[in-house]
């Protein structure tokens, strides 16, 4: 009977991944005029129409909905401004 071959590594195997920093402004510019989800650092999410952003990346949303833990909490009429230092991430809404 043949025995299975055993490979022994003397050094740990490390996988190195290259990280390329991306400028977020072109990403945001592509999202202007679309519906987006903006997730805040403490878990709240706002879904709305991305009207604009400024050089600090403050976000201006129209017709926003407030979401928490995947449940819509309510709608916010008009325009809201989300300050840049509160934003965790932004993604396009489906």
N, C-alpha and C. Protein backbone atom coordinates (compact mmCIF):
# COMPACT_ATOMS: atom_id res chain seq x y z
N UNK A 1 0.83 -1.18 0.00
CA UNK A 1 0.00 0.00 0.00
C UNK A 1 0.87 1.24 0.00
N UNK A 2 0.47 2.22 -0.80
CA UNK A 2 1.21 3.47 -0.83
C UNK A 2 0.80 4.34 0.35
N UNK A 3 1.78 4.99 0.94
CA UNK A 3 1.51 5.90 2.05
C UNK A 3 1.34 7.30 1.48
N UNK A 4 0.46 8.10 2.06
CA UNK A 4 0.33 9.47 1.58
C UNK A 4 1.61 10.26 1.85
N UNK A 5 1.89 11.14 0.92
CA UNK A 5 3.10 11.95 1.05
C UNK A 5 2.84 13.09 2.04
N UNK A 6 3.76 13.32 2.93
CA UNK A 6 3.64 14.37 3.94
C UNK A 6 4.67 15.44 3.63
N UNK A 7 4.21 16.68 3.59
CA UNK A 7 5.11 17.81 3.35
C UNK A 7 5.26 18.57 4.66
N UNK A 8 6.48 18.77 5.08
CA UNK A 8 6.76 19.50 6.31
C UNK A 8 7.42 20.82 5.94
N UNK A 9 6.87 21.92 6.44
CA UNK A 9 7.46 23.24 6.19
C UNK A 9 8.26 23.64 7.42
N UNK A 10 9.46 24.09 7.15
CA UNK A 10 10.31 24.52 8.26
C UNK A 10 10.05 25.97 8.64
N UNK A 11 9.57 26.76 7.69
CA UNK A 11 9.24 28.16 7.96
C UNK A 11 7.75 28.38 7.74
N UNK A 12 7.14 29.27 8.49
CA UNK A 12 5.71 29.54 8.26
C UNK A 12 5.50 30.16 6.88
N UNK A 13 4.37 29.87 6.30
CA UNK A 13 4.01 30.41 5.00
C UNK A 13 3.30 31.75 5.21
N UNK A 14 3.81 32.79 4.61
CA UNK A 14 3.20 34.11 4.70
C UNK A 14 2.70 34.51 3.33
N UNK A 15 1.51 35.04 3.30
CA UNK A 15 0.96 35.56 2.06
C UNK A 15 1.02 37.07 2.16
N UNK A 16 1.69 37.67 1.21
CA UNK A 16 1.83 39.12 1.21
C UNK A 16 0.87 39.69 0.20
N UNK A 17 0.12 40.68 0.62
CA UNK A 17 -0.85 41.30 -0.25
C UNK A 17 -0.45 42.76 -0.44
N UNK A 18 -0.40 43.18 -1.68
CA UNK A 18 -0.06 44.57 -1.97
C UNK A 18 -1.30 45.43 -1.74
N UNK A 19 -1.12 46.53 -1.08
CA UNK A 19 -2.20 47.47 -0.83
C UNK A 19 -1.88 48.76 -1.55
N UNK A 20 -2.77 49.14 -2.44
CA UNK A 20 -2.59 50.38 -3.18
C UNK A 20 -3.60 51.39 -2.67
N UNK A 21 -3.14 52.50 -2.11
CA UNK A 21 -4.09 53.51 -1.64
C UNK A 21 -4.87 54.11 -2.81
N UNK A 22 -6.16 54.32 -2.59
CA UNK A 22 -7.01 54.90 -3.61
C UNK A 22 -7.50 56.26 -3.16
N UNK A 23 -7.60 57.17 -4.09
CA UNK A 23 -8.17 58.48 -3.81
C UNK A 23 -9.69 58.33 -3.82
N UNK A 24 -10.38 58.64 -2.72
CA UNK A 24 -11.83 58.43 -2.67
C UNK A 24 -12.63 59.46 -3.47
N UNK A 25 -12.04 60.58 -3.85
CA UNK A 25 -12.81 61.61 -4.55
C UNK A 25 -13.33 61.16 -5.91
N UNK A 26 -12.53 60.47 -6.75
CA UNK A 26 -13.11 59.98 -8.01
C UNK A 26 -14.23 58.96 -7.78
N UNK A 27 -14.10 58.14 -6.74
CA UNK A 27 -15.15 57.18 -6.40
C UNK A 27 -16.44 57.92 -6.05
N UNK A 28 -16.34 58.95 -5.20
CA UNK A 28 -17.52 59.73 -4.83
C UNK A 28 -18.10 60.47 -6.02
N UNK A 29 -17.23 60.99 -6.88
CA UNK A 29 -17.70 61.72 -8.06
C UNK A 29 -18.55 60.82 -8.95
N UNK A 30 -18.21 59.54 -9.04
CA UNK A 30 -19.00 58.60 -9.84
C UNK A 30 -20.36 58.32 -9.21
N UNK A 31 -20.46 58.47 -7.90
CA UNK A 31 -21.71 58.19 -7.20
C UNK A 31 -22.67 59.38 -7.15
N UNK A 32 -22.20 60.59 -7.49
CA UNK A 32 -23.07 61.76 -7.47
C UNK A 32 -24.20 61.53 -8.47
N UNK A 33 -25.42 61.80 -8.03
CA UNK A 33 -26.58 61.59 -8.88
C UNK A 33 -27.18 60.20 -8.76
N UNK A 34 -26.67 59.41 -7.82
CA UNK A 34 -27.18 58.06 -7.60
C UNK A 34 -27.63 57.90 -6.15
N UNK A 35 -28.41 56.86 -5.90
CA UNK A 35 -28.77 56.52 -4.52
C UNK A 35 -27.62 55.77 -3.88
N UNK A 36 -27.30 56.14 -2.65
CA UNK A 36 -26.18 55.54 -1.93
C UNK A 36 -26.59 55.20 -0.50
N UNK A 37 -25.83 54.30 0.11
CA UNK A 37 -25.90 54.04 1.55
C UNK A 37 -24.67 54.65 2.17
N UNK A 38 -24.84 55.48 3.18
CA UNK A 38 -23.74 56.05 3.95
C UNK A 38 -23.81 55.45 5.34
N UNK A 39 -22.78 54.70 5.73
CA UNK A 39 -22.73 54.07 7.05
C UNK A 39 -21.88 54.93 7.97
N UNK A 40 -22.43 55.25 9.13
CA UNK A 40 -21.70 56.05 10.10
C UNK A 40 -20.90 55.14 11.02
N UNK A 41 -19.97 55.72 11.74
CA UNK A 41 -19.05 54.96 12.60
C UNK A 41 -19.77 54.14 13.66
N UNK A 42 -20.93 54.59 14.11
CA UNK A 42 -21.62 53.88 15.19
C UNK A 42 -22.76 53.00 14.68
N UNK A 43 -22.81 52.74 13.35
CA UNK A 43 -23.73 51.75 12.82
C UNK A 43 -24.97 52.27 12.12
N UNK A 44 -25.32 53.52 12.33
CA UNK A 44 -26.48 54.08 11.63
C UNK A 44 -26.17 54.16 10.14
N UNK A 45 -27.20 53.96 9.32
CA UNK A 45 -27.04 54.09 7.88
C UNK A 45 -28.07 55.07 7.35
N UNK A 46 -27.68 55.79 6.32
CA UNK A 46 -28.58 56.70 5.63
C UNK A 46 -28.57 56.35 4.16
N UNK A 47 -29.76 56.14 3.62
CA UNK A 47 -29.90 55.86 2.19
C UNK A 47 -30.55 57.08 1.57
N UNK A 48 -29.94 57.60 0.51
CA UNK A 48 -30.51 58.76 -0.14
C UNK A 48 -29.80 59.07 -1.44
N UNK A 49 -30.27 60.11 -2.09
CA UNK A 49 -29.73 60.56 -3.37
C UNK A 49 -28.52 61.45 -3.08
N UNK A 50 -27.34 61.04 -3.56
CA UNK A 50 -26.12 61.81 -3.32
C UNK A 50 -26.13 63.04 -4.21
N UNK A 51 -26.41 64.18 -3.59
CA UNK A 51 -26.50 65.44 -4.33
C UNK A 51 -25.11 66.01 -4.59
N UNK A 52 -24.25 66.02 -3.55
CA UNK A 52 -22.91 66.58 -3.73
C UNK A 52 -22.03 66.21 -2.54
N UNK A 53 -20.75 66.55 -2.68
CA UNK A 53 -19.78 66.44 -1.58
C UNK A 53 -18.78 67.56 -1.78
N UNK A 54 -18.08 67.93 -0.70
CA UNK A 54 -17.11 69.02 -0.82
C UNK A 54 -15.68 68.48 -0.70
N UNK A 55 -14.71 69.39 -0.65
CA UNK A 55 -13.30 69.00 -0.61
C UNK A 55 -12.94 68.24 0.66
N UNK A 56 -13.72 68.41 1.73
CA UNK A 56 -13.50 67.66 2.97
C UNK A 56 -14.23 66.31 2.95
N UNK A 57 -15.02 66.10 1.93
CA UNK A 57 -15.86 64.91 1.74
C UNK A 57 -17.04 64.87 2.69
N UNK A 58 -17.57 66.06 3.06
CA UNK A 58 -18.87 66.13 3.70
C UNK A 58 -19.89 65.72 2.64
N UNK A 59 -20.93 65.01 3.05
CA UNK A 59 -21.88 64.41 2.13
C UNK A 59 -23.23 65.12 2.21
N UNK A 60 -23.80 65.46 1.06
CA UNK A 60 -25.13 66.06 1.01
C UNK A 60 -26.09 65.05 0.36
N UNK A 61 -27.10 64.62 1.12
CA UNK A 61 -28.09 63.66 0.64
C UNK A 61 -29.47 64.30 0.57
N UNK A 62 -30.23 63.91 -0.44
CA UNK A 62 -31.63 64.33 -0.55
C UNK A 62 -32.53 63.12 -0.32
N UNK A 63 -33.71 63.38 0.24
CA UNK A 63 -34.72 62.35 0.47
C UNK A 63 -34.13 61.13 1.19
N UNK A 64 -33.44 61.38 2.27
CA UNK A 64 -32.73 60.32 2.98
C UNK A 64 -33.68 59.49 3.85
N UNK A 65 -33.32 58.22 3.98
CA UNK A 65 -33.98 57.31 4.90
C UNK A 65 -32.97 56.91 5.96
N UNK A 66 -33.42 56.82 7.21
CA UNK A 66 -32.54 56.44 8.31
C UNK A 66 -32.73 54.95 8.59
N UNK A 67 -31.62 54.19 8.60
CA UNK A 67 -31.65 52.75 8.81
C UNK A 67 -30.79 52.40 10.02
N UNK A 68 -31.25 51.41 10.79
CA UNK A 68 -30.46 50.91 11.91
C UNK A 68 -30.65 49.39 11.99
N UNK A 69 -29.55 48.66 11.97
CA UNK A 69 -29.58 47.18 12.01
C UNK A 69 -30.46 46.59 10.91
N UNK A 70 -30.40 47.19 9.73
CA UNK A 70 -31.16 46.68 8.58
C UNK A 70 -32.63 47.02 8.59
N UNK A 71 -33.08 47.84 9.53
CA UNK A 71 -34.49 48.22 9.64
C UNK A 71 -34.61 49.72 9.41
N UNK A 72 -35.53 50.11 8.50
CA UNK A 72 -35.72 51.54 8.25
C UNK A 72 -36.45 52.17 9.43
N UNK A 73 -35.86 53.23 9.98
CA UNK A 73 -36.42 53.92 11.14
C UNK A 73 -37.32 55.08 10.75
N UNK A 74 -37.12 55.63 9.55
CA UNK A 74 -37.94 56.75 9.11
C UNK A 74 -37.32 57.47 7.94
N UNK A 75 -38.04 58.46 7.43
CA UNK A 75 -37.54 59.25 6.31
C UNK A 75 -37.27 60.67 6.78
N UNK A 76 -36.30 61.27 6.17
CA UNK A 76 -35.92 62.64 6.48
C UNK A 76 -36.15 63.47 5.22
N UNK A 77 -37.14 64.31 5.23
CA UNK A 77 -37.46 65.11 4.05
C UNK A 77 -36.40 66.16 3.78
N UNK A 78 -36.33 66.58 2.55
CA UNK A 78 -35.39 67.63 2.18
C UNK A 78 -33.97 67.13 2.05
N UNK A 79 -33.03 68.01 2.40
CA UNK A 79 -31.61 67.72 2.24
C UNK A 79 -30.95 67.61 3.61
N UNK A 80 -30.07 66.62 3.77
CA UNK A 80 -29.29 66.49 5.01
C UNK A 80 -27.81 66.56 4.67
N UNK A 81 -27.03 66.99 5.63
CA UNK A 81 -25.58 67.06 5.49
C UNK A 81 -24.97 66.12 6.52
N UNK A 82 -24.09 65.25 6.05
CA UNK A 82 -23.38 64.33 6.95
C UNK A 82 -21.93 64.76 6.98
N UNK A 83 -21.46 65.09 8.16
CA UNK A 83 -20.08 65.55 8.32
C UNK A 83 -19.11 64.41 8.07
N UNK A 84 -18.02 64.72 7.40
CA UNK A 84 -17.07 63.72 6.92
C UNK A 84 -16.49 62.84 8.02
N UNK A 85 -16.22 63.38 9.20
CA UNK A 85 -15.56 62.59 10.23
C UNK A 85 -16.49 61.56 10.89
N UNK A 86 -17.78 61.57 10.53
CA UNK A 86 -18.73 60.58 11.04
C UNK A 86 -18.88 59.38 10.12
N UNK A 87 -18.37 59.47 8.89
CA UNK A 87 -18.60 58.45 7.86
C UNK A 87 -17.62 57.30 8.00
N UNK A 88 -18.16 56.08 8.05
CA UNK A 88 -17.33 54.88 8.03
C UNK A 88 -17.10 54.42 6.60
N UNK A 89 -18.18 54.27 5.82
CA UNK A 89 -18.03 53.94 4.40
C UNK A 89 -19.29 54.31 3.63
N UNK A 90 -19.13 54.33 2.30
CA UNK A 90 -20.20 54.69 1.38
C UNK A 90 -20.26 53.62 0.31
N UNK A 91 -21.49 53.24 -0.07
CA UNK A 91 -21.65 52.27 -1.16
C UNK A 91 -22.88 52.64 -1.97
N UNK A 92 -22.88 52.21 -3.22
CA UNK A 92 -24.04 52.44 -4.08
C UNK A 92 -25.20 51.58 -3.59
N UNK A 93 -26.40 52.14 -3.64
CA UNK A 93 -27.60 51.38 -3.27
C UNK A 93 -28.07 50.59 -4.48
N UNK A 94 -28.58 49.41 -4.24
CA UNK A 94 -29.07 48.57 -5.34
C UNK A 94 -30.35 49.11 -5.89
